[in-house]
Amino acid sequence: MATVIYTLDALTALVCTILLFRAYLRGRYRLLLWSSICFAGLTLNNILLVLDKILLPEIDLSPWRSAAALVAMAILLYGMIWDSE
């Protein structure tokens, strides 16, 4: 059951990334760009979660997962602070 949930979580983040990037290409609002980059990082975080918990349980990938989430959130924070109009 955990496999299904982790996989659906990763797919949901991927779909959000794609939709946000498509919206950015249509409207060219920079906040959509920063949000799509953030969700790309969160997608990477979720893929690492699947690898960590399901496919490679003997290898601890939690530092890499945390780093991916931190970078993704930092990018979104940067975009919200410095590109606000």
PDB file of N, CA and C in Angstrom:
ATOM      1  N   MET A   1       0.815  -1.192   0.000  1.00  0.00           N
ATOM      2  CA  MET A   1       0.000   0.000   0.000  1.00  0.00           C
ATOM      3  C   MET A   1       0.863   1.261   0.000  1.00  0.00           C
ATOM      4  N   ALA A   2       1.985   1.218   0.714  1.00  0.00           N
ATOM      5  CA  ALA A   2       2.872   2.376   0.749  1.00  0.00           C
ATOM      6  C   ALA A   2       3.436   2.679  -0.636  1.00  0.00           C
ATOM      7  N   THR A   3       3.683   1.639  -1.404  1.00  0.00           N
ATOM      8  CA  THR A   3       4.209   1.820  -2.759  1.00  0.00           C
ATOM      9  C   THR A   3       3.246   2.637  -3.608  1.00  0.00           C
ATOM     10  N   VAL A   4       1.978   2.321  -3.513  1.00  0.00           N
ATOM     11  CA  VAL A   4       0.958   3.036  -4.283  1.00  0.00           C
ATOM     12  C   VAL A   4       0.900   4.492  -3.857  1.00  0.00           C
ATOM     13  N   ILE A   5       0.911   4.735  -2.573  1.00  0.00           N
ATOM     14  CA  ILE A   5       0.811   6.106  -2.065  1.00  0.00           C
ATOM     15  C   ILE A   5       2.031   6.921  -2.458  1.00  0.00           C
ATOM     16  N   TYR A   6       3.227   6.379  -2.289  1.00  0.00           N
ATOM     17  CA  TYR A   6       4.443   7.104  -2.659  1.00  0.00           C
ATOM     18  C   TYR A   6       4.476   7.387  -4.157  1.00  0.00           C
ATOM     19  N   THR A   7       4.064   6.418  -4.961  1.00  0.00           N
ATOM     20  CA  THR A   7       4.059   6.597  -6.407  1.00  0.00           C
ATOM     21  C   THR A   7       3.035   7.639  -6.831  1.00  0.00           C
ATOM     22  N   LEU A   8       1.846   7.590  -6.256  1.00  0.00           N
ATOM     23  CA  LEU A   8       0.831   8.593  -6.586  1.00  0.00           C
ATOM     24  C   LEU A   8       1.263   9.988  -6.155  1.00  0.00           C
ATOM     25  N   ASP A   9       1.955  10.081  -5.039  1.00  0.00           N
ATOM     26  CA  ASP A   9       2.470  11.365  -4.583  1.00  0.00           C
ATOM     27  C   ASP A   9       3.477  11.922  -5.580  1.00  0.00           C
ATOM     28  N   ALA A  10       4.379  11.091  -6.067  1.00  0.00           N
ATOM     29  CA  ALA A  10       5.364  11.535  -7.052  1.00  0.00           C
ATOM     30  C   ALA A  10       4.698  11.932  -8.365  1.00  0.00           C
ATOM     31  N   LEU A  11       3.722  11.168  -8.793  1.00  0.00           N
ATOM     32  CA  LEU A  11       3.011  11.496 -10.032  1.00  0.00           C
ATOM     33  C   LEU A  11       2.212  12.787  -9.903  1.00  0.00           C
ATOM     34  N   THR A  12       1.623  13.010  -8.739  1.00  0.00           N
ATOM     35  CA  THR A  12       0.878  14.248  -8.516  1.00  0.00           C
ATOM     36  C   THR A  12       1.797  15.458  -8.571  1.00  0.00           C
ATOM     37  N   ALA A  13       2.957  15.354  -7.955  1.00  0.00           N
ATOM     38  CA  ALA A  13       3.924  16.455  -8.009  1.00  0.00           C
ATOM     39  C   ALA A  13       4.401  16.689  -9.437  1.00  0.00           C
ATOM     40  N   LEU A  14       4.592  15.615 -10.196  1.00  0.00           N
ATOM     41  CA  LEU A  14       5.007  15.747 -11.595  1.00  0.00           C
ATOM     42  C   LEU A  14       3.934  16.437 -12.429  1.00  0.00           C
ATOM     43  N   VAL A  15       2.684  16.071 -12.233  1.00  0.00           N
ATOM     44  CA  VAL A  15       1.583  16.708 -12.963  1.00  0.00           C
ATOM     45  C   VAL A  15       1.492  18.191 -12.598  1.00  0.00           C
ATOM     46  N   CYS A  16       1.662  18.522 -11.331  1.00  0.00           N
ATOM     47  CA  CYS A  16       1.657  19.926 -10.914  1.00  0.00           C
ATOM     48  C   CYS A  16       2.795  20.687 -11.576  1.00  0.00           C
ATOM     49  N   THR A  17       3.965  20.067 -11.663  1.00  0.00           N
ATOM     50  CA  THR A  17       5.105  20.702 -12.322  1.00  0.00           C
ATOM     51  C   THR A  17       4.784  21.010 -13.778  1.00  0.00           C
ATOM     52  N   ILE A  18       4.237  20.036 -14.462  1.00  0.00           N
ATOM     53  CA  ILE A  18       3.915  20.212 -15.885  1.00  0.00           C
ATOM     54  C   ILE A  18       2.856  21.287 -16.079  1.00  0.00           C
ATOM     55  N   LEU A  19       1.804  21.251 -15.273  1.00  0.00           N
ATOM     56  CA  LEU A  19       0.733  22.241 -15.419  1.00  0.00           C
ATOM     57  C   LEU A  19       1.212  23.655 -15.099  1.00  0.00           C
ATOM     58  N   LEU A  20       2.026  23.790 -14.062  1.00  0.00           N
ATOM     59  CA  LEU A  20       2.553  25.111 -13.724  1.00  0.00           C
ATOM     60  C   LEU A  20       3.475  25.639 -14.814  1.00  0.00           C
ATOM     61  N   PHE A  21       4.311  24.777 -15.373  1.00  0.00           N
ATOM     62  CA  PHE A  21       5.212  25.227 -16.429  1.00  0.00           C
ATOM     63  C   PHE A  21       4.448  25.587 -17.698  1.00  0.00           C
ATOM     64  N   ARG A  22       3.417  24.827 -18.030  1.00  0.00           N
ATOM     65  CA  ARG A  22       2.591  25.168 -19.192  1.00  0.00           C
ATOM     66  C   ARG A  22       1.889  26.502 -18.992  1.00  0.00           C
ATOM     67  N   ALA A  23       1.408  26.745 -17.771  1.00  0.00           N
ATOM     68  CA  ALA A  23       0.769  28.027 -17.481  1.00  0.00           C
ATOM     69  C   ALA A  23       1.777  29.168 -17.584  1.00  0.00           C
ATOM     70  N   TYR A  24       3.013  28.910 -17.140  1.00  0.00           N
ATOM     71  CA  TYR A  24       4.049  29.937 -17.267  1.00  0.00           C
ATOM     72  C   TYR A  24       4.313  30.247 -18.739  1.00  0.00           C
ATOM     73  N   LEU A  25       4.390  29.231 -19.576  1.00  0.00           N
ATOM     74  CA  LEU A  25       4.657  29.465 -20.996  1.00  0.00           C
ATOM     75  C   LEU A  25       3.540  30.257 -21.666  1.00  0.00           C
ATOM     76  N   ARG A  26       2.318  30.080 -21.201  1.00  0.00           N
ATOM     77  CA  ARG A  26       1.195  30.830 -21.768  1.00  0.00           C
ATOM     78  C   ARG A  26       1.158  32.271 -21.277  1.00  0.00           C
ATOM     79  N   GLY A  27       1.371  32.477 -19.974  1.00  0.00           N
ATOM     80  CA  GLY A  27       1.176  33.804 -19.418  1.00  0.00           C
ATOM     81  C   GLY A  27       2.440  34.571 -19.092  1.00  0.00           C
ATOM     82  N   ARG A  28       3.572  33.879 -18.997  1.00  0.00           N
ATOM     83  CA  ARG A  28       4.861  34.473 -18.668  1.00  0.00           C
ATOM     84  C   ARG A  28       4.863  35.222 -17.324  1.00  0.00           C
ATOM     85  N   TYR A  29       4.087  34.722 -16.354  1.00  0.00           N
ATOM     86  CA  TYR A  29       4.145  35.248 -14.993  1.00  0.00           C
ATOM     87  C   TYR A  29       5.279  34.534 -14.265  1.00  0.00           C
ATOM     88  N   ARG A  30       6.205  35.317 -13.707  1.00  0.00           N
ATOM     89  CA  ARG A  30       7.409  34.734 -13.126  1.00  0.00           C
ATOM     90  C   ARG A  30       7.121  33.877 -11.901  1.00  0.00           C
ATOM     91  N   LEU A  31       6.064  34.185 -11.175  1.00  0.00           N
ATOM     92  CA  LEU A  31       5.726  33.359 -10.015  1.00  0.00           C
ATOM     93  C   LEU A  31       5.378  31.933 -10.438  1.00  0.00           C
ATOM     94  N   LEU A  32       4.769  31.782 -11.602  1.00  0.00           N
ATOM     95  CA  LEU A  32       4.501  30.440 -12.121  1.00  0.00           C
ATOM     96  C   LEU A  32       5.791  29.705 -12.452  1.00  0.00           C
ATOM     97  N   LEU A  33       6.791  30.427 -12.930  1.00  0.00           N
ATOM     98  CA  LEU A  33       8.085  29.799 -13.206  1.00  0.00           C
ATOM     99  C   LEU A  33       8.728  29.307 -11.914  1.00  0.00           C
ATOM    100  N   TRP A  34       8.758  30.160 -10.890  1.00  0.00           N
ATOM    101  CA  TRP A  34       9.354  29.764  -9.618  1.00  0.00           C
ATOM    102  C   TRP A  34       8.587  28.606  -8.987  1.00  0.00           C
ATOM    103  N   SER A  35       7.277  28.624  -9.129  1.00  0.00           N
ATOM    104  CA  SER A  35       6.463  27.533  -8.575  1.00  0.00           C
ATOM    105  C   SER A  35       6.717  26.227  -9.317  1.00  0.00           C
ATOM    106  N   SER A  36       6.864  26.299 -10.633  1.00  0.00           N
ATOM    107  CA  SER A  36       7.118  25.070 -11.392  1.00  0.00           C
ATOM    108  C   SER A  36       8.501  24.501 -11.072  1.00  0.00           C
ATOM    109  N   ILE A  37       9.492  25.362 -10.871  1.00  0.00           N
ATOM    110  CA  ILE A  37      10.817  24.880 -10.479  1.00  0.00           C
ATOM    111  C   ILE A  37      10.755  24.248  -9.091  1.00  0.00           C
ATOM    112  N   CYS A  38       9.994  24.873  -8.189  1.00  0.00           N
ATOM    113  CA  CYS A  38       9.825  24.306  -6.843  1.00  0.00           C
ATOM    114  C   CYS A  38       9.182  22.929  -6.916  1.00  0.00           C
ATOM    115  N   PHE A  39       8.133  22.790  -7.709  1.00  0.00           N
ATOM    116  CA  PHE A  39       7.481  21.498  -7.810  1.00  0.00           C
ATOM    117  C   PHE A  39       8.347  20.473  -8.527  1.00  0.00           C
ATOM    118  N   ALA A  40       9.235  20.909  -9.393  1.00  0.00           N
ATOM    119  CA  ALA A  40      10.187  19.972  -9.992  1.00  0.00           C
ATOM    120  C   ALA A  40      11.107  19.412  -8.906  1.00  0.00           C
ATOM    121  N   GLY A  41      11.533  20.269  -7.993  1.00  0.00           N
ATOM    122  CA  GLY A  41      12.335  19.797  -6.868  1.00  0.00           C
ATOM    123  C   GLY A  41      11.557  18.881  -5.948  1.00  0.00           C
ATOM    124  N   LEU A  42      10.291  19.189  -5.737  1.00  0.00           N
ATOM    125  CA  LEU A  42       9.458  18.324  -4.903  1.00  0.00           C
ATOM    126  C   LEU A  42       9.179  16.992  -5.592  1.00  0.00           C
ATOM    127  N   THR A  43       9.102  17.009  -6.918  1.00  0.00           N
ATOM    128  CA  THR A  43       8.977  15.756  -7.661  1.00  0.00           C
ATOM    129  C   THR A  43      10.223  14.902  -7.464  1.00  0.00           C
ATOM    130  N   LEU A  44      11.389  15.539  -7.550  1.00  0.00           N
ATOM    131  CA  LEU A  44      12.633  14.826  -7.285  1.00  0.00           C
ATOM    132  C   LEU A  44      12.649  14.268  -5.864  1.00  0.00           C
ATOM    133  N   ASN A  45      12.177  15.052  -4.922  1.00  0.00           N
ATOM    134  CA  ASN A  45      12.085  14.606  -3.533  1.00  0.00           C
ATOM    135  C   ASN A  45      11.210  13.356  -3.421  1.00  0.00           C
ATOM    136  N   ASN A  46      10.086  13.358  -4.102  1.00  0.00           N
ATOM    137  CA  ASN A  46       9.180  12.207  -4.033  1.00  0.00           C
ATOM    138  C   ASN A  46       9.744  10.987  -4.760  1.00  0.00           C
ATOM    139  N   ILE A  47      10.464  11.208  -5.840  1.00  0.00           N
ATOM    140  CA  ILE A  47      11.102  10.080  -6.531  1.00  0.00           C
ATOM    141  C   ILE A  47      12.170   9.467  -5.629  1.00  0.00           C
ATOM    142  N   LEU A  48      12.929  10.322  -4.953  1.00  0.00           N
ATOM    143  CA  LEU A  48      13.923   9.810  -4.005  1.00  0.00           C
ATOM    144  C   LEU A  48      13.267   9.072  -2.852  1.00  0.00           C
ATOM    145  N   LEU A  49      12.075   9.503  -2.462  1.00  0.00           N
ATOM    146  CA  LEU A  49      11.334   8.801  -1.413  1.00  0.00           C
ATOM    147  C   LEU A  49      10.965   7.387  -1.858  1.00  0.00           C
ATOM    148  N   VAL A  50      10.497   7.255  -3.092  1.00  0.00           N
ATOM    149  CA  VAL A  50      10.167   5.924  -3.619  1.00  0.00           C
ATOM    150  C   VAL A  50      11.417   5.060  -3.662  1.00  0.00           C
ATOM    151  N   LEU A  51      12.523   5.639  -4.133  1.00  0.00           N
ATOM    152  CA  LEU A  51      13.768   4.874  -4.170  1.00  0.00           C
ATOM    153  C   LEU A  51      14.219   4.474  -2.770  1.00  0.00           C
ATOM    154  N   ASP A  52      14.114   5.408  -1.842  1.00  0.00           N
ATOM    155  CA  ASP A  52      14.595   5.189  -0.482  1.00  0.00           C
ATOM    156  C   ASP A  52      13.774   4.130   0.250  1.00  0.00           C
ATOM    157  N   LYS A  53      12.481   4.219   0.174  1.00  0.00           N
ATOM    158  CA  LYS A  53      11.619   3.347   0.978  1.00  0.00           C
ATOM    159  C   LYS A  53      11.247   2.034   0.290  1.00  0.00           C
ATOM    160  N   ILE A  54      11.168   2.041  -1.037  1.00  0.00           N
ATOM    161  CA  ILE A  54      10.654   0.860  -1.744  1.00  0.00           C
ATOM    162  C   ILE A  54      11.759   0.113  -2.489  1.00  0.00           C
ATOM    163  N   LEU A  55      12.475   0.797  -3.365  1.00  0.00           N
ATOM    164  CA  LEU A  55      13.407   0.106  -4.246  1.00  0.00           C
ATOM    165  C   LEU A  55      14.768  -0.172  -3.615  1.00  0.00           C
ATOM    166  N   LEU A  56      15.251   0.764  -2.782  1.00  0.00           N
ATOM    167  CA  LEU A  56      16.576   0.616  -2.176  1.00  0.00           C
ATOM    168  C   LEU A  56      16.494   0.819  -0.660  1.00  0.00           C
ATOM    169  N   PRO A  57      15.812  -0.055   0.045  1.00  0.00           N
ATOM    170  CA  PRO A  57      15.641   0.180   1.488  1.00  0.00           C
ATOM    171  C   PRO A  57      16.937   0.064   2.291  1.00  0.00           C
ATOM    172  N   GLU A  58      17.959  -0.570   1.713  1.00  0.00           N
ATOM    173  CA  GLU A  58      19.216  -0.722   2.444  1.00  0.00           C
ATOM    174  C   GLU A  58      20.088   0.531   2.385  1.00  0.00           C
ATOM    175  N   ILE A  59      19.756   1.478   1.490  1.00  0.00           N
ATOM    176  CA  ILE A  59      20.521   2.716   1.348  1.00  0.00           C
ATOM    177  C   ILE A  59      19.689   3.864   1.921  1.00  0.00           C
ATOM    178  N   ASP A  60      20.310   4.683   2.767  1.00  0.00           N
ATOM    179  CA  ASP A  60      19.617   5.816   3.367  1.00  0.00           C
ATOM    180  C   ASP A  60      19.744   7.038   2.455  1.00  0.00           C
ATOM    181  N   LEU A  61      18.644   7.420   1.835  1.00  0.00           N
ATOM    182  CA  LEU A  61      18.630   8.575   0.952  1.00  0.00           C
ATOM    183  C   LEU A  61      17.979   9.795   1.601  1.00  0.00           C
ATOM    184  N   SER A  62      17.741   9.740   2.894  1.00  0.00           N
ATOM    185  CA  SER A  62      17.042  10.853   3.543  1.00  0.00           C
ATOM    186  C   SER A  62      17.810  12.174   3.478  1.00  0.00           C
ATOM    187  N   PRO A  63      19.141  12.204   3.542  1.00  0.00           N
ATOM    188  CA  PRO A  63      19.809  13.508   3.372  1.00  0.00           C
ATOM    189  C   PRO A  63      19.590  14.103   1.982  1.00  0.00           C
ATOM    190  N   TRP A  64      19.579  13.242   0.963  1.00  0.00           N
ATOM    191  CA  TRP A  64      19.342  13.717  -0.400  1.00  0.00           C
ATOM    192  C   TRP A  64      17.910  14.204  -0.574  1.00  0.00           C
ATOM    193  N   ARG A  65      16.964  13.494   0.045  1.00  0.00           N
ATOM    194  CA  ARG A  65      15.561  13.924  -0.016  1.00  0.00           C
ATOM    195  C   ARG A  65      15.387  15.275   0.659  1.00  0.00           C
ATOM    196  N   SER A  66      15.992  15.423   1.827  1.00  0.00           N
ATOM    197  CA  SER A  66      15.882  16.689   2.557  1.00  0.00           C
ATOM    198  C   SER A  66      16.543  17.831   1.790  1.00  0.00           C
ATOM    199  N   ALA A  67      17.671  17.548   1.163  1.00  0.00           N
ATOM    200  CA  ALA A  67      18.355  18.574   0.381  1.00  0.00           C
ATOM    201  C   ALA A  67      17.514  19.007  -0.819  1.00  0.00           C
ATOM    202  N   ALA A  68      16.881  18.065  -1.485  1.00  0.00           N
ATOM    203  CA  ALA A  68      16.035  18.394  -2.636  1.00  0.00           C
ATOM    204  C   ALA A  68      14.849  19.255  -2.206  1.00  0.00           C
ATOM    205  N   ALA A  69      14.231  18.907  -1.085  1.00  0.00           N
ATOM    206  CA  ALA A  69      13.097  19.691  -0.589  1.00  0.00           C
ATOM    207  C   ALA A  69      13.547  21.078  -0.153  1.00  0.00           C
ATOM    208  N   LEU A  70      14.707  21.168   0.488  1.00  0.00           N
ATOM    209  CA  LEU A  70      15.224  22.459   0.935  1.00  0.00           C
ATOM    210  C   LEU A  70      15.522  23.372  -0.246  1.00  0.00           C
ATOM    211  N   VAL A  71      16.178  22.847  -1.252  1.00  0.00           N
ATOM    212  CA  VAL A  71      16.495  23.652  -2.435  1.00  0.00           C
ATOM    213  C   VAL A  71      15.212  24.080  -3.146  1.00  0.00           C
ATOM    214  N   ALA A  72      14.245  23.192  -3.255  1.00  0.00           N
ATOM    215  CA  ALA A  72      12.985  23.530  -3.914  1.00  0.00           C
ATOM    216  C   ALA A  72      12.265  24.658  -3.181  1.00  0.00           C
ATOM    217  N   MET A  73      12.191  24.569  -1.877  1.00  0.00           N
ATOM    218  CA  MET A  73      11.517  25.609  -1.102  1.00  0.00           C
ATOM    219  C   MET A  73      12.308  26.913  -1.117  1.00  0.00           C
ATOM    220  N   ALA A  74      13.640  26.824  -1.116  1.00  0.00           N
ATOM    221  CA  ALA A  74      14.460  28.037  -1.171  1.00  0.00           C
ATOM    222  C   ALA A  74      14.272  28.764  -2.498  1.00  0.00           C
ATOM    223  N   ILE A  75      14.137  28.018  -3.577  1.00  0.00           N
ATOM    224  CA  ILE A  75      13.901  28.629  -4.881  1.00  0.00           C
ATOM    225  C   ILE A  75      12.553  29.334  -4.904  1.00  0.00           C
ATOM    226  N   LEU A  76      11.537  28.703  -4.363  1.00  0.00           N
ATOM    227  CA  LEU A  76      10.227  29.344  -4.329  1.00  0.00           C
ATOM    228  C   LEU A  76      10.262  30.581  -3.439  1.00  0.00           C
ATOM    229  N   LEU A  77      10.926  30.506  -2.315  1.00  0.00           N
ATOM    230  CA  LEU A  77      11.037  31.654  -1.418  1.00  0.00           C
ATOM    231  C   LEU A  77      11.783  32.800  -2.094  1.00  0.00           C
ATOM    232  N   TYR A  78      12.864  32.480  -2.771  1.00  0.00           N
ATOM    233  CA  TYR A  78      13.606  33.494  -3.513  1.00  0.00           C
ATOM    234  C   TYR A  78      12.704  34.170  -4.545  1.00  0.00           C
ATOM    235  N   GLY A  79      11.973  33.365  -5.293  1.00  0.00           N
ATOM    236  CA  GLY A  79      11.083  33.925  -6.311  1.00  0.00           C
ATOM    237  C   GLY A  79       9.991  34.788  -5.736  1.00  0.00           C
ATOM    238  N   MET A  80       9.469  34.409  -4.590  1.00  0.00           N
ATOM    239  CA  MET A  80       8.398  35.202  -3.983  1.00  0.00           C
ATOM    240  C   MET A  80       8.923  36.517  -3.394  1.00  0.00           C
ATOM    241  N   ILE A  81      10.138  36.500  -2.888  1.00  0.00           N
ATOM    242  CA  ILE A  81      10.678  37.717  -2.272  1.00  0.00           C
ATOM    243  C   ILE A  81      11.241  38.684  -3.304  1.00  0.00           C
ATOM    244  N   TRP A  82      12.093  38.200  -4.185  1.00  0.00           N
ATOM    245  CA  TRP A  82      12.812  39.093  -5.077  1.00  0.00           C
ATOM    246  C   TRP A  82      12.084  39.421  -6.356  1.00  0.00           C
ATOM    247  N   ASP A  83      11.115  38.650  -6.758  1.00  0.00           N
ATOM    248  CA  ASP A  83      10.389  38.945  -7.975  1.00  0.00           C
ATOM    249  C   ASP A  83       8.973  39.438  -7.722  1.00  0.00           C
ATOM    250  N   SER A  84       8.700  39.907  -6.531  1.00  0.00           N
ATOM    251  CA  SER A  84       7.354  40.427  -6.265  1.00  0.00           C
ATOM    252  C   SER A  84       7.202  41.784  -6.939  1.00  0.00           C
ATOM    253  N   GLU A  85       6.031  42.021  -7.465  1.00  0.00           N
ATOM    254  CA  GLU A  85       5.794  43.272  -8.184  1.00  0.00           C
ATOM    255  C   GLU A  85       4.879  44.155  -7.389  1.00  0.00           C
TER     256      GLU A  85
END
